[in-house]
């Protein structure tokens, strides 16, 4: 029995060095792989080959170049926080960044798109700025601000008079917020602009629009001749085109004070 036990023990002893060698080989391979990965990451992050040489910005008239770049960078980090490991001077940051962003805190910009040129190590930005469709002015000849077609207030502008750009006037004491929609309801803005488009097609071009948002929720279009149209913010009057045709052919503008469309399917005038 003892001899058999000794034979078993003797057979087991040579296996221990083999196991140790196998473990050392595995550790060595893991160490080499980790070293390669660390070296590769270091190369990607710090090698001059992947450093940005230049930024190019086009399409910006109202927005400074550094604001375009910094706003795109900040917006990219919001969407993909892991990009912070690369840094803004690394070309892979911009390659994996969003293709386009809409920075909410840059009021003049509607959208910024980017393109990466690896050969030149250049990042190009194309800026789509908001255009002044209408002007919103403070009450009684105060400061004026540009609005886009959606009623978004985005930039101060010189005071405008005439019929080329529609002029909105805020109420007494009303505070105008840059970087915000003038009207809280997008539907209100659509109703106003649809109504004005119909009016202008029939020759009624407002020189001024006043909106009363509190309680009554209505608006007034003041004509060049001095009389006004009153509308609700909640709807576009039905058959407005035919009604305006009748007004144009059957009334004298100098004898009218106002036309009132604030009640659906009703028209009042004085």
Protein backbone atom coordinates (compact mmCIF):
# COMPACT_ATOMS: atom_id res chain seq x y z
CA UNK A 1 0.00 0.00 0.00
CA UNK A 2 2.83 2.38 0.89
CA UNK A 3 4.57 1.82 -2.43
CA UNK A 4 1.41 2.58 -4.37
CA UNK A 5 0.89 5.75 -2.33
CA UNK A 6 4.45 6.85 -2.99
CA UNK A 7 4.00 6.19 -6.71
CA UNK A 8 0.87 8.36 -6.77
CA UNK A 9 2.62 11.19 -4.93
CA UNK A 10 5.62 10.94 -7.20
CA UNK A 11 3.36 11.15 -10.26
CA UNK A 12 1.69 14.28 -8.92
CA UNK A 13 4.86 16.21 -8.02
CA UNK A 14 6.10 16.96 -11.57
CA UNK A 15 2.72 18.58 -12.48
CA UNK A 16 3.15 21.58 -10.09
CA UNK A 17 5.93 23.30 -12.08
CA UNK A 18 3.87 22.95 -15.28
CA UNK A 19 0.92 24.72 -13.64
CA UNK A 20 3.17 27.51 -12.42
CA UNK A 21 4.64 27.97 -15.89
CA UNK A 22 1.13 28.11 -17.42
CA UNK A 23 0.03 30.78 -14.91
CA UNK A 24 3.15 32.85 -15.63
CA UNK A 25 2.50 32.63 -19.37
CA UNK A 26 -1.09 33.78 -18.91
CA UNK A 27 0.05 36.66 -16.69
CA UNK A 28 2.69 37.63 -19.26
CA UNK A 29 0.16 37.62 -22.10
CA UNK A 30 -2.31 39.69 -20.06
CA UNK A 31 0.47 42.13 -19.16
CA UNK A 32 1.51 42.45 -22.81
CA UNK A 33 -2.08 43.00 -23.99
CA UNK A 34 -2.65 45.61 -21.26
CA UNK A 35 0.60 47.33 -22.20
CA UNK A 36 -0.36 47.40 -25.88
CA UNK A 37 -3.79 48.82 -25.07
CA UNK A 38 -2.34 51.47 -22.77
CA UNK A 39 0.23 52.39 -25.40
CA UNK A 40 -2.44 52.56 -28.10
CA UNK A 41 -4.69 54.75 -25.96
CA UNK A 42 -1.77 57.02 -25.11
CA UNK A 43 -0.89 57.22 -28.81
CA UNK A 44 -4.47 58.08 -29.79
CA UNK A 45 -4.75 60.74 -27.09
CA UNK A 46 -1.38 62.45 -27.29
CA UNK A 47 0.21 61.72 -30.66
CA UNK A 48 0.57 64.78 -32.90
CA UNK A 49 -0.87 62.72 -35.74
CA UNK A 50 -4.36 63.09 -34.23
CA UNK A 51 -4.10 66.70 -33.03
CA UNK A 52 -6.40 69.22 -34.71
CA UNK A 53 -4.52 71.68 -36.92
CA UNK A 54 -7.36 74.13 -37.54
CA UNK A 55 -11.05 74.89 -37.15
CA UNK A 56 -13.05 76.47 -39.96
CA UNK A 57 -16.40 78.20 -39.44
CA UNK A 58 -18.71 79.38 -42.23
CA UNK A 59 -22.19 80.86 -42.39
CA UNK A 60 -21.87 82.90 -39.19
CA UNK A 61 -22.79 86.57 -39.45
CA UNK A 62 -24.23 87.23 -35.99
CA UNK A 63 -22.28 84.63 -34.01
CA UNK A 64 -18.56 84.76 -33.12
CA UNK A 65 -16.39 81.84 -34.25
CA UNK A 66 -15.26 80.86 -30.74
CA UNK A 67 -18.91 80.72 -29.60
CA UNK A 68 -19.75 78.35 -32.47
CA UNK A 69 -16.90 75.99 -31.56
CA UNK A 70 -17.43 76.10 -27.78
CA UNK A 71 -21.19 75.63 -28.07
CA UNK A 72 -20.76 72.61 -30.37
CA UNK A 73 -18.21 71.17 -27.92
CA UNK A 74 -20.52 71.66 -24.92
CA UNK A 75 -23.53 70.25 -26.73
CA UNK A 76 -21.50 67.19 -27.83
CA UNK A 77 -20.52 66.46 -24.22
CA UNK A 78 -24.17 66.65 -23.19
CA UNK A 79 -25.08 63.97 -25.70
CA UNK A 80 -21.92 61.84 -25.35
CA UNK A 81 -20.19 62.43 -21.97
CA UNK A 82 -17.48 59.82 -22.71
CA UNK A 83 -15.99 62.18 -25.32
CA UNK A 84 -14.45 64.17 -22.45
CA UNK A 85 -11.66 61.53 -22.30
CA UNK A 86 -10.49 62.57 -25.77
CA UNK A 87 -10.34 66.34 -25.42
CA UNK A 88 -11.33 69.06 -27.86
CA UNK A 89 -7.95 69.07 -29.64
CA UNK A 90 -8.23 65.41 -30.65
CA UNK A 91 -9.63 64.69 -34.11
CA UNK A 92 -11.44 61.58 -32.87
CA UNK A 93 -13.48 63.75 -30.49
CA UNK A 94 -15.01 65.53 -33.47
CA UNK A 95 -15.30 62.36 -35.54
CA UNK A 96 -17.48 60.73 -32.88
CA UNK A 97 -19.29 63.97 -31.95
CA UNK A 98 -22.87 64.49 -33.25
CA UNK A 99 -23.17 65.48 -36.89
CA UNK A 100 -25.35 68.46 -35.98
CA UNK A 101 -26.43 70.27 -32.82
CA UNK A 102 -28.91 73.01 -31.92
CA UNK A 103 -27.39 74.96 -29.00
CA UNK A 104 -30.26 76.34 -26.92
CA UNK A 105 -28.16 78.97 -25.14
CA UNK A 106 -26.93 80.60 -28.40
CA UNK A 107 -30.02 82.49 -29.47
CA UNK A 108 -28.76 83.52 -32.93
CA UNK A 109 -28.05 79.93 -34.05
CA UNK A 110 -30.65 77.48 -35.26
CA UNK A 111 -28.28 74.60 -36.08
CA UNK A 112 -24.55 73.85 -36.46
CA UNK A 113 -23.28 70.97 -38.60
CA UNK A 114 -19.69 69.67 -38.62
CA UNK A 115 -17.38 67.86 -41.01
CA UNK A 116 -13.95 66.28 -40.30
CA UNK A 117 -11.05 66.22 -42.77
CA UNK A 118 -8.49 63.67 -41.50
CA UNK A 119 -5.93 64.56 -44.19
CA UNK A 120 -5.82 68.23 -43.20
CA UNK A 121 -6.69 67.46 -39.56
CA UNK A 122 -9.35 70.14 -39.86
CA UNK A 123 -12.86 70.43 -38.44
CA UNK A 124 -15.31 72.54 -40.45
CA UNK A 125 -18.52 73.97 -39.00
CA UNK A 126 -21.45 75.26 -41.03
CA UNK A 127 -23.69 77.62 -39.09
CA UNK A 128 -27.39 78.00 -39.87
CA UNK A 129 -28.38 81.26 -38.19
CA UNK A 130 -31.87 82.50 -37.54
CA UNK A 131 -33.13 85.12 -39.97
CA UNK A 132 -35.15 88.18 -38.99
CA UNK A 133 -38.68 87.63 -40.27
CA UNK A 134 -40.46 89.95 -37.84
CA UNK A 135 -39.41 92.56 -35.31
CA UNK A 136 -40.61 92.78 -31.71
CA UNK A 137 -40.28 96.21 -30.05
CA UNK A 138 -40.81 97.40 -26.51
CA UNK A 139 -43.87 99.49 -25.78
CA UNK A 140 -43.99 103.06 -27.06
CA UNK A 141 -40.85 103.09 -29.19
CA UNK A 142 -38.44 101.12 -26.99
CA UNK A 143 -35.70 98.68 -27.96
CA UNK A 144 -36.39 96.21 -30.79
CA UNK A 145 -35.48 92.54 -31.25
CA UNK A 146 -35.45 90.22 -34.25
CA UNK A 147 -37.84 87.24 -34.42
CA UNK A 148 -37.69 84.27 -36.78
CA UNK A 149 -40.68 82.75 -38.59
CA UNK A 150 -41.57 80.72 -35.48
CA UNK A 151 -41.70 83.74 -33.16
CA UNK A 152 -38.32 83.02 -31.50
CA UNK A 153 -36.70 86.21 -30.16
CA UNK A 154 -32.96 86.06 -30.77
CA UNK A 155 -31.14 89.35 -31.34
CA UNK A 156 -31.43 93.09 -30.83
CA UNK A 157 -32.00 95.07 -34.05
CA UNK A 158 -32.47 98.72 -35.02
CA UNK A 159 -36.01 100.04 -34.83
CA UNK A 160 -37.88 99.26 -38.05
CA UNK A 161 -40.70 101.19 -39.66
CA UNK A 162 -42.61 100.53 -42.87
CA UNK A 163 -44.22 97.46 -44.40
CA UNK A 164 -41.17 95.41 -45.41
CA UNK A 165 -40.81 93.71 -42.01
CA UNK A 166 -43.81 93.16 -39.75
CA UNK A 167 -43.47 95.01 -36.45
CA UNK A 168 -44.85 93.60 -33.21
CA UNK A 169 -45.20 95.85 -30.17
CA UNK A 170 -45.10 94.52 -26.61
CA UNK A 171 -47.61 95.73 -24.05
CA UNK A 172 -46.88 98.33 -21.33
CA UNK A 173 -44.44 96.89 -18.78
CA UNK A 174 -44.10 93.63 -20.72
CA UNK A 175 -40.59 92.17 -20.51
CA UNK A 176 -39.11 90.76 -23.72
CA UNK A 177 -37.02 87.60 -23.20
CA UNK A 178 -34.19 87.01 -25.70
CA UNK A 179 -33.66 83.32 -26.46
CA UNK A 180 -37.33 82.48 -25.88
CA UNK A 181 -40.51 82.20 -27.90
CA UNK A 182 -42.46 85.45 -27.76
CA UNK A 183 -45.75 83.56 -27.47
CA UNK A 184 -45.94 80.56 -25.16
CA UNK A 185 -48.19 78.65 -27.54
CA UNK A 186 -46.77 77.74 -31.00
CA UNK A 187 -50.37 77.53 -32.23
CA UNK A 188 -50.89 81.22 -31.45
CA UNK A 189 -47.89 82.16 -33.58
CA UNK A 190 -49.16 80.00 -36.46
CA UNK A 191 -52.63 81.55 -36.27
CA UNK A 192 -51.23 85.09 -36.37
CA UNK A 193 -48.91 84.41 -39.29
CA UNK A 194 -51.59 82.52 -41.26
CA UNK A 195 -54.06 85.35 -40.75
CA UNK A 196 -51.54 88.01 -41.79
CA UNK A 197 -50.62 86.02 -44.92
CA UNK A 198 -54.30 86.02 -45.95
CA UNK A 199 -54.65 89.74 -45.18
CA UNK A 200 -51.59 90.65 -47.23
CA UNK A 201 -52.79 88.56 -50.17
CA UNK A 202 -55.89 90.77 -50.23
CA UNK A 203 -53.97 94.03 -49.94
CA UNK A 204 -54.32 94.58 -46.18
CA UNK A 205 -50.73 95.01 -44.94
CA UNK A 206 -50.43 95.71 -41.19
CA UNK A 207 -47.93 98.30 -40.03
CA UNK A 208 -48.11 97.09 -36.42
CA UNK A 209 -49.28 94.05 -34.45
CA UNK A 210 -50.17 94.17 -30.75
CA UNK A 211 -50.74 90.95 -28.82
CA UNK A 212 -52.73 90.80 -25.57
CA UNK A 213 -51.77 87.49 -24.02
CA UNK A 214 -53.19 87.92 -20.53
CA UNK A 215 -56.82 86.99 -19.90
CA UNK A 216 -58.31 88.07 -23.25
CA UNK A 217 -55.79 86.22 -25.50
CA UNK A 218 -56.33 88.35 -28.59
CA UNK A 219 -54.33 90.44 -31.02
CA UNK A 220 -54.69 93.61 -33.06
CA UNK A 221 -53.44 94.37 -36.57
CA UNK A 222 -53.10 98.12 -37.14
CA UNK A 223 -53.33 99.16 -40.80
CA UNK A 224 -51.41 101.90 -42.58
CA UNK A 225 -54.67 103.86 -42.91
CA UNK A 226 -55.16 103.90 -39.13
CA UNK A 227 -58.03 101.42 -38.61
CA UNK A 228 -57.53 98.02 -36.93
CA UNK A 229 -58.49 94.37 -37.21
CA UNK A 230 -59.07 92.42 -33.97
CA UNK A 231 -58.59 88.65 -33.83
CA UNK A 232 -58.55 85.83 -31.29
CA UNK A 233 -55.27 84.01 -30.76
CA UNK A 234 -57.09 80.67 -30.83
CA UNK A 235 -58.27 80.48 -34.45
CA UNK A 236 -58.02 81.85 -37.98
CA UNK A 237 -61.43 83.26 -39.04
CA UNK A 238 -63.31 81.13 -41.53
CA UNK A 239 -63.85 82.54 -45.02
CA UNK A 240 -61.45 85.38 -44.20
CA UNK A 241 -60.41 85.76 -47.84
CA UNK A 242 -63.96 86.36 -49.10
CA UNK A 243 -64.75 88.66 -46.17
CA UNK A 244 -61.70 90.79 -46.90
CA UNK A 245 -62.70 90.98 -50.57
CA UNK A 246 -66.08 92.35 -49.50
CA UNK A 247 -64.46 94.82 -47.13
CA UNK A 248 -62.15 96.02 -49.88
CA UNK A 249 -64.97 96.54 -52.39
CA UNK A 250 -67.79 97.80 -50.17
CA UNK A 251 -66.21 99.96 -47.47
CA UNK A 252 -64.17 103.14 -47.26
CA UNK A 253 -61.12 102.61 -45.03
CA UNK A 254 -61.13 106.24 -43.88
CA UNK A 255 -64.67 105.77 -42.50
CA UNK A 256 -63.90 102.64 -40.44
CA UNK A 257 -62.36 102.42 -36.95
CA UNK A 258 -62.06 98.63 -36.65
CA UNK A 259 -63.20 95.17 -37.78
CA UNK A 260 -63.69 92.61 -35.02
CA UNK A 261 -63.19 88.87 -35.71
CA UNK A 262 -62.74 87.77 -32.09
CA UNK A 263 -65.98 85.73 -32.06
CA UNK A 264 -66.05 82.70 -34.35
CA UNK A 265 -68.31 83.04 -37.41
CA UNK A 266 -69.06 86.67 -36.52
CA UNK A 267 -67.71 89.99 -37.84
CA UNK A 268 -68.33 93.32 -36.16
CA UNK A 269 -67.19 96.72 -37.36
CA UNK A 270 -67.45 100.35 -36.43
